[in-house]
Amino acid sequence: MINRKLLTDPDFSEAQERRAAVRVFKDDHIVDSGGVIVRFDERTVVVQSGVGDLAYHSRAGCEFFELRKR
């Protein structure tokens, strides 16, 4: 697996369009893994892990990585 850090709006948009799995870190701990980005703006990223399972993450307080297979 390759982790690609998502930083810019185009990064988040590309991951959202490809429905790529993402991993979210906060304070150097994994707080979400395997979900897909369903919505984002300048302050918040919404990740869906399952049916009705939405998580709202602070864009400034977290680090986001797209999971890619080699």
PDB file of N, CA and C in Angstrom:
ATOM      1  N   MET A   1       0.836  -1.188   0.000  1.00  0.00           N
ATOM      2  CA  MET A   1       0.000   0.000   0.000  1.00  0.00           C
ATOM      3  C   MET A   1       0.880   1.250   0.000  1.00  0.00           C
ATOM      4  N   ILE A   2       0.416   2.236  -0.713  1.00  0.00           N
ATOM      5  CA  ILE A   2       1.087   3.528  -0.750  1.00  0.00           C
ATOM      6  C   ILE A   2       0.130   4.543  -0.137  1.00  0.00           C
ATOM      7  N   ASN A   3       0.632   5.345   0.794  1.00  0.00           N
ATOM      8  CA  ASN A   3      -0.164   6.409   1.388  1.00  0.00           C
ATOM      9  C   ASN A   3       0.197   7.718   0.715  1.00  0.00           C
ATOM     10  N   ARG A   4      -0.807   8.391   0.135  1.00  0.00           N
ATOM     11  CA  ARG A   4      -0.578   9.691  -0.503  1.00  0.00           C
ATOM     12  C   ARG A   4      -1.299  10.741   0.331  1.00  0.00           C
ATOM     13  N   LYS A   5      -0.539  11.701   0.853  1.00  0.00           N
ATOM     14  CA  LYS A   5      -1.115  12.732   1.706  1.00  0.00           C
ATOM     15  C   LYS A   5      -1.993  13.671   0.879  1.00  0.00           C
ATOM     16  N   LEU A   6      -3.179  13.949   1.398  1.00  0.00           N
ATOM     17  CA  LEU A   6      -4.113  14.866   0.749  1.00  0.00           C
ATOM     18  C   LEU A   6      -3.970  16.234   1.409  1.00  0.00           C
ATOM     19  N   LEU A   7      -3.625  17.239   0.604  1.00  0.00           N
ATOM     20  CA  LEU A   7      -3.382  18.577   1.146  1.00  0.00           C
ATOM     21  C   LEU A   7      -4.291  19.632   0.525  1.00  0.00           C
ATOM     22  N   THR A   8      -4.445  19.588  -0.785  1.00  0.00           N
ATOM     23  CA  THR A   8      -5.148  20.655  -1.496  1.00  0.00           C
ATOM     24  C   THR A   8      -6.560  20.229  -1.889  1.00  0.00           C
ATOM     25  N   ASP A   9      -7.384  21.202  -2.268  1.00  0.00           N
ATOM     26  CA  ASP A   9      -8.730  20.892  -2.751  1.00  0.00           C
ATOM     27  C   ASP A   9      -8.701  19.905  -3.915  1.00  0.00           C
ATOM     28  N   PRO A  10      -7.802  20.088  -4.903  1.00  0.00           N
ATOM     29  CA  PRO A  10      -7.743  19.103  -5.990  1.00  0.00           C
ATOM     30  C   PRO A  10      -7.388  17.690  -5.496  1.00  0.00           C
ATOM     31  N   ASP A  11      -6.532  17.581  -4.465  1.00  0.00           N
ATOM     32  CA  ASP A  11      -6.207  16.265  -3.892  1.00  0.00           C
ATOM     33  C   ASP A  11      -7.467  15.607  -3.333  1.00  0.00           C
ATOM     34  N   PHE A  12      -8.225  16.364  -2.533  1.00  0.00           N
ATOM     35  CA  PHE A  12      -9.448  15.832  -1.934  1.00  0.00           C
ATOM     36  C   PHE A  12     -10.483  15.508  -3.007  1.00  0.00           C
ATOM     37  N   SER A  13     -10.587  16.373  -4.002  1.00  0.00           N
ATOM     38  CA  SER A  13     -11.553  16.163  -5.079  1.00  0.00           C
ATOM     39  C   SER A  13     -11.240  14.896  -5.866  1.00  0.00           C
ATOM     40  N   GLU A  14      -9.976  14.680  -6.184  1.00  0.00           N
ATOM     41  CA  GLU A  14      -9.569  13.483  -6.926  1.00  0.00           C
ATOM     42  C   GLU A  14      -9.868  12.220  -6.119  1.00  0.00           C
ATOM     43  N   ALA A  15      -9.539  12.237  -4.830  1.00  0.00           N
ATOM     44  CA  ALA A  15      -9.813  11.077  -3.976  1.00  0.00           C
ATOM     45  C   ALA A  15     -11.319  10.820  -3.883  1.00  0.00           C
ATOM     46  N   GLN A  16     -12.098  11.892  -3.821  1.00  0.00           N
ATOM     47  CA  GLN A  16     -13.553  11.762  -3.750  1.00  0.00           C
ATOM     48  C   GLN A  16     -14.102  11.173  -5.048  1.00  0.00           C
ATOM     49  N   GLU A  17     -13.651  11.673  -6.180  1.00  0.00           N
ATOM     50  CA  GLU A  17     -14.133  11.189  -7.482  1.00  0.00           C
ATOM     51  C   GLU A  17     -13.776   9.723  -7.704  1.00  0.00           C
ATOM     52  N   ARG A  18     -12.594   9.308  -7.266  1.00  0.00           N
ATOM     53  CA  ARG A  18     -12.146   7.928  -7.451  1.00  0.00           C
ATOM     54  C   ARG A  18     -12.700   6.991  -6.387  1.00  0.00           C
ATOM     55  N   ARG A  19     -13.388   7.570  -5.385  1.00  0.00           N
ATOM     56  CA  ARG A  19     -13.923   6.790  -4.255  1.00  0.00           C
ATOM     57  C   ARG A  19     -12.806   5.981  -3.597  1.00  0.00           C
ATOM     58  N   ALA A  20     -11.659   6.643  -3.469  1.00  0.00           N
ATOM     59  CA  ALA A  20     -10.484   6.001  -2.881  1.00  0.00           C
ATOM     60  C   ALA A  20     -10.641   5.900  -1.366  1.00  0.00           C
ATOM     61  N   ALA A  21     -10.167   4.811  -0.807  1.00  0.00           N
ATOM     62  CA  ALA A  21     -10.160   4.654   0.647  1.00  0.00           C
ATOM     63  C   ALA A  21      -9.182   5.655   1.244  1.00  0.00           C
ATOM     64  N   VAL A  22      -9.552   6.224   2.384  1.00  0.00           N
ATOM     65  CA  VAL A  22      -8.681   7.186   3.050  1.00  0.00           C
ATOM     66  C   VAL A  22      -8.416   6.749   4.485  1.00  0.00           C
ATOM     67  N   ARG A  23      -7.315   7.225   5.005  1.00  0.00           N
ATOM     68  CA  ARG A  23      -6.948   7.014   6.401  1.00  0.00           C
ATOM     69  C   ARG A  23      -6.775   8.396   7.021  1.00  0.00           C
ATOM     70  N   VAL A  24      -7.341   8.574   8.219  1.00  0.00           N
ATOM     71  CA  VAL A  24      -7.318   9.871   8.892  1.00  0.00           C
ATOM     72  C   VAL A  24      -6.547   9.746  10.206  1.00  0.00           C
ATOM     73  N   PHE A  25      -5.607  10.667  10.402  1.00  0.00           N
ATOM     74  CA  PHE A  25      -4.815  10.706  11.630  1.00  0.00           C
ATOM     75  C   PHE A  25      -5.111  11.994  12.392  1.00  0.00           C
ATOM     76  N   LYS A  26      -5.151  11.886  13.713  1.00  0.00           N
ATOM     77  CA  LYS A  26      -5.268  13.060  14.580  1.00  0.00           C
ATOM     78  C   LYS A  26      -4.322  12.831  15.744  1.00  0.00           C
ATOM     79  N   ASP A  27      -3.451  13.789  15.993  1.00  0.00           N
ATOM     80  CA  ASP A  27      -2.446  13.677  17.057  1.00  0.00           C
ATOM     81  C   ASP A  27      -1.646  12.378  16.928  1.00  0.00           C
ATOM     82  N   ASP A  28      -1.247  12.049  15.704  1.00  0.00           N
ATOM     83  CA  ASP A  28      -0.429  10.872  15.396  1.00  0.00           C
ATOM     84  C   ASP A  28      -1.115   9.536  15.689  1.00  0.00           C
ATOM     85  N   HIS A  29      -2.444   9.522  15.748  1.00  0.00           N
ATOM     86  CA  HIS A  29      -3.203   8.293  15.939  1.00  0.00           C
ATOM     87  C   HIS A  29      -4.217   8.145  14.812  1.00  0.00           C
ATOM     88  N   ILE A  30      -4.431   6.914  14.359  1.00  0.00           N
ATOM     89  CA  ILE A  30      -5.459   6.668  13.343  1.00  0.00           C
ATOM     90  C   ILE A  30      -6.823   6.815  13.994  1.00  0.00           C
ATOM     91  N   VAL A  31      -7.652   7.708  13.436  1.00  0.00           N
ATOM     92  CA  VAL A  31      -9.008   7.898  13.961  1.00  0.00           C
ATOM     93  C   VAL A  31     -10.070   7.395  12.985  1.00  0.00           C
ATOM     94  N   ASP A  32      -9.665   7.127  11.741  1.00  0.00           N
ATOM     95  CA  ASP A  32     -10.600   6.606  10.738  1.00  0.00           C
ATOM     96  C   ASP A  32      -9.773   5.941   9.648  1.00  0.00           C
ATOM     97  N   SER A  33     -10.265   4.820   9.124  1.00  0.00           N
ATOM     98  CA  SER A  33      -9.524   4.122   8.084  1.00  0.00           C
ATOM     99  C   SER A  33     -10.472   3.343   7.196  1.00  0.00           C
ATOM    100  N   GLY A  34     -10.249   3.437   5.880  1.00  0.00           N
ATOM    101  CA  GLY A  34     -10.997   2.630   4.936  1.00  0.00           C
ATOM    102  C   GLY A  34     -12.251   3.262   4.373  1.00  0.00           C
ATOM    103  N   GLY A  35     -12.659   4.407   4.902  1.00  0.00           N
ATOM    104  CA  GLY A  35     -13.845   5.080   4.385  1.00  0.00           C
ATOM    105  C   GLY A  35     -13.520   5.881   3.138  1.00  0.00           C
ATOM    106  N   VAL A  36     -14.558   6.467   2.546  1.00  0.00           N
ATOM    107  CA  VAL A  36     -14.374   7.309   1.361  1.00  0.00           C
ATOM    108  C   VAL A  36     -14.893   8.720   1.662  1.00  0.00           C
ATOM    109  N   ILE A  37     -14.303   9.691   1.009  1.00  0.00           N
ATOM    110  CA  ILE A  37     -14.720  11.079   1.181  1.00  0.00           C
ATOM    111  C   ILE A  37     -16.032  11.295   0.438  1.00  0.00           C
ATOM    112  N   VAL A  38     -17.046  11.777   1.147  1.00  0.00           N
ATOM    113  CA  VAL A  38     -18.318  12.067   0.497  1.00  0.00           C
ATOM    114  C   VAL A  38     -18.534  13.573   0.335  1.00  0.00           C
ATOM    115  N   ARG A  39     -17.838  14.358   1.157  1.00  0.00           N
ATOM    116  CA  ARG A  39     -17.980  15.814   1.060  1.00  0.00           C
ATOM    117  C   ARG A  39     -16.798  16.453   1.790  1.00  0.00           C
ATOM    118  N   PHE A  40     -16.413  17.648   1.326  1.00  0.00           N
ATOM    119  CA  PHE A  40     -15.363  18.398   2.023  1.00  0.00           C
ATOM    120  C   PHE A  40     -15.520  19.871   1.712  1.00  0.00           C
ATOM    121  N   ASP A  41     -15.026  20.695   2.624  1.00  0.00           N
ATOM    122  CA  ASP A  41     -14.913  22.131   2.381  1.00  0.00           C
ATOM    123  C   ASP A  41     -13.619  22.597   3.044  1.00  0.00           C
ATOM    124  N   GLU A  42     -13.441  23.890   3.201  1.00  0.00           N
ATOM    125  CA  GLU A  42     -12.171  24.384   3.736  1.00  0.00           C
ATOM    126  C   GLU A  42     -11.951  24.033   5.201  1.00  0.00           C
ATOM    127  N   ARG A  43     -13.013  23.628   5.924  1.00  0.00           N
ATOM    128  CA  ARG A  43     -12.879  23.327   7.349  1.00  0.00           C
ATOM    129  C   ARG A  43     -13.130  21.870   7.727  1.00  0.00           C
ATOM    130  N   THR A  44     -13.928  21.148   6.953  1.00  0.00           N
ATOM    131  CA  THR A  44     -14.375  19.822   7.355  1.00  0.00           C
ATOM    132  C   THR A  44     -14.286  18.833   6.200  1.00  0.00           C
ATOM    133  N   VAL A  45     -13.949  17.587   6.540  1.00  0.00           N
ATOM    134  CA  VAL A  45     -13.981  16.485   5.581  1.00  0.00           C
ATOM    135  C   VAL A  45     -14.916  15.430   6.148  1.00  0.00           C
ATOM    136  N   VAL A  46     -15.897  15.009   5.339  1.00  0.00           N
ATOM    137  CA  VAL A  46     -16.865  13.999   5.758  1.00  0.00           C
ATOM    138  C   VAL A  46     -16.477  12.675   5.104  1.00  0.00           C
ATOM    139  N   VAL A  47     -16.279  11.652   5.952  1.00  0.00           N
ATOM    140  CA  VAL A  47     -15.862  10.335   5.482  1.00  0.00           C
ATOM    141  C   VAL A  47     -16.957   9.329   5.815  1.00  0.00           C
ATOM    142  N   GLN A  48     -17.323   8.522   4.821  1.00  0.00           N
ATOM    143  CA  GLN A  48     -18.338   7.489   5.025  1.00  0.00           C
ATOM    144  C   GLN A  48     -17.658   6.126   5.033  1.00  0.00           C
ATOM    145  N   SER A  49     -17.866   5.396   6.140  1.00  0.00           N
ATOM    146  CA  SER A  49     -17.258   4.071   6.283  1.00  0.00           C
ATOM    147  C   SER A  49     -18.243   2.950   5.991  1.00  0.00           C
ATOM    148  N   GLY A  50     -19.525   3.240   6.105  1.00  0.00           N
ATOM    149  CA  GLY A  50     -20.553   2.241   5.861  1.00  0.00           C
ATOM    150  C   GLY A  50     -21.884   2.937   5.663  1.00  0.00           C
ATOM    151  N   VAL A  51     -22.938   2.150   5.518  1.00  0.00           N
ATOM    152  CA  VAL A  51     -24.265   2.720   5.330  1.00  0.00           C
ATOM    153  C   VAL A  51     -24.635   3.517   6.577  1.00  0.00           C
ATOM    154  N   GLY A  52     -24.851   4.798   6.420  1.00  0.00           N
ATOM    155  CA  GLY A  52     -25.239   5.652   7.535  1.00  0.00           C
ATOM    156  C   GLY A  52     -24.133   5.929   8.532  1.00  0.00           C
ATOM    157  N   ASP A  53     -22.904   5.521   8.238  1.00  0.00           N
ATOM    158  CA  ASP A  53     -21.782   5.725   9.153  1.00  0.00           C
ATOM    159  C   ASP A  53     -20.906   6.856   8.632  1.00  0.00           C
ATOM    160  N   LEU A  54     -21.221   8.085   9.063  1.00  0.00           N
ATOM    161  CA  LEU A  54     -20.485   9.263   8.627  1.00  0.00           C
ATOM    162  C   LEU A  54     -19.622   9.799   9.761  1.00  0.00           C
ATOM    163  N   ALA A  55     -18.421  10.242   9.423  1.00  0.00           N
ATOM    164  CA  ALA A  55     -17.530  10.859  10.404  1.00  0.00           C
ATOM    165  C   ALA A  55     -17.118  12.226   9.870  1.00  0.00           C
ATOM    166  N   TYR A  56     -17.173  13.222  10.735  1.00  0.00           N
ATOM    167  CA  TYR A  56     -16.813  14.596  10.381  1.00  0.00           C
ATOM    168  C   TYR A  56     -15.461  14.898  11.014  1.00  0.00           C
ATOM    169  N   HIS A  57     -14.469  15.222  10.166  1.00  0.00           N
ATOM    170  CA  HIS A  57     -13.116  15.477  10.645  1.00  0.00           C
ATOM    171  C   HIS A  57     -12.698  16.905  10.309  1.00  0.00           C
ATOM    172  N   SER A  58     -12.050  17.545  11.259  1.00  0.00           N
ATOM    173  CA  SER A  58     -11.505  18.885  11.046  1.00  0.00           C
ATOM    174  C   SER A  58     -10.346  18.806  10.056  1.00  0.00           C
ATOM    175  N   ARG A  59     -10.417  19.605   9.027  1.00  0.00           N
ATOM    176  CA  ARG A  59      -9.349  19.577   8.020  1.00  0.00           C
ATOM    177  C   ARG A  59      -8.041  20.107   8.596  1.00  0.00           C
ATOM    178  N   ALA A  60      -8.133  21.110   9.480  1.00  0.00           N
ATOM    179  CA  ALA A  60      -6.924  21.681  10.081  1.00  0.00           C
ATOM    180  C   ALA A  60      -6.359  20.787  11.186  1.00  0.00           C
ATOM    181  N   GLY A  61      -7.219  20.031  11.880  1.00  0.00           N
ATOM    182  CA  GLY A  61      -6.781  19.244  13.019  1.00  0.00           C
ATOM    183  C   GLY A  61      -6.369  17.819  12.692  1.00  0.00           C
ATOM    184  N   CYS A  62      -6.543  17.407  11.444  1.00  0.00           N
ATOM    185  CA  CYS A  62      -6.253  16.022  11.062  1.00  0.00           C
ATOM    186  C   CYS A  62      -5.357  15.983   9.831  1.00  0.00           C
ATOM    187  N   GLU A  63      -4.756  14.825   9.603  1.00  0.00           N
ATOM    188  CA  GLU A  63      -4.009  14.563   8.378  1.00  0.00           C
ATOM    189  C   GLU A  63      -4.749  13.470   7.627  1.00  0.00           C
ATOM    190  N   PHE A  64      -4.839  13.622   6.309  1.00  0.00           N
ATOM    191  CA  PHE A  64      -5.614  12.709   5.475  1.00  0.00           C
ATOM    192  C   PHE A  64      -4.689  12.062   4.451  1.00  0.00           C
ATOM    193  N   PHE A  65      -4.818  10.752   4.303  1.00  0.00           N
ATOM    194  CA  PHE A  65      -4.007  10.001   3.354  1.00  0.00           C
ATOM    195  C   PHE A  65      -4.901   9.113   2.507  1.00  0.00           C
ATOM    196  N   GLU A  66      -4.654   9.142   1.211  1.00  0.00           N
ATOM    197  CA  GLU A  66      -5.331   8.228   0.297  1.00  0.00           C
ATOM    198  C   GLU A  66      -4.553   6.927   0.285  1.00  0.00           C
ATOM    199  N   LEU A  67      -5.256   5.804   0.383  1.00  0.00           N
ATOM    200  CA  LEU A  67      -4.613   4.495   0.342  1.00  0.00           C
ATOM    201  C   LEU A  67      -4.627   3.991  -1.087  1.00  0.00           C
ATOM    202  N   ARG A  68      -3.453   3.725  -1.629  1.00  0.00           N
ATOM    203  CA  ARG A  68      -3.345   3.205  -3.000  1.00  0.00           C
ATOM    204  C   ARG A  68      -2.592   1.897  -2.982  1.00  0.00           C
ATOM    205  N   LYS A  69      -3.055   0.966  -3.814  1.00  0.00           N
ATOM    206  CA  LYS A  69      -2.329  -0.289  -3.970  1.00  0.00           C
ATOM    207  C   LYS A  69      -1.168  -0.071  -4.928  1.00  0.00           C
ATOM    208  N   ARG A  70      -0.109  -0.813  -4.719  1.00  0.00           N
ATOM    209  CA  ARG A  70       1.066  -0.697  -5.606  1.00  0.00           C
ATOM    210  C   ARG A  70       0.794  -1.307  -6.935  1.00  0.00           C
TER     211      ARG A  70
END
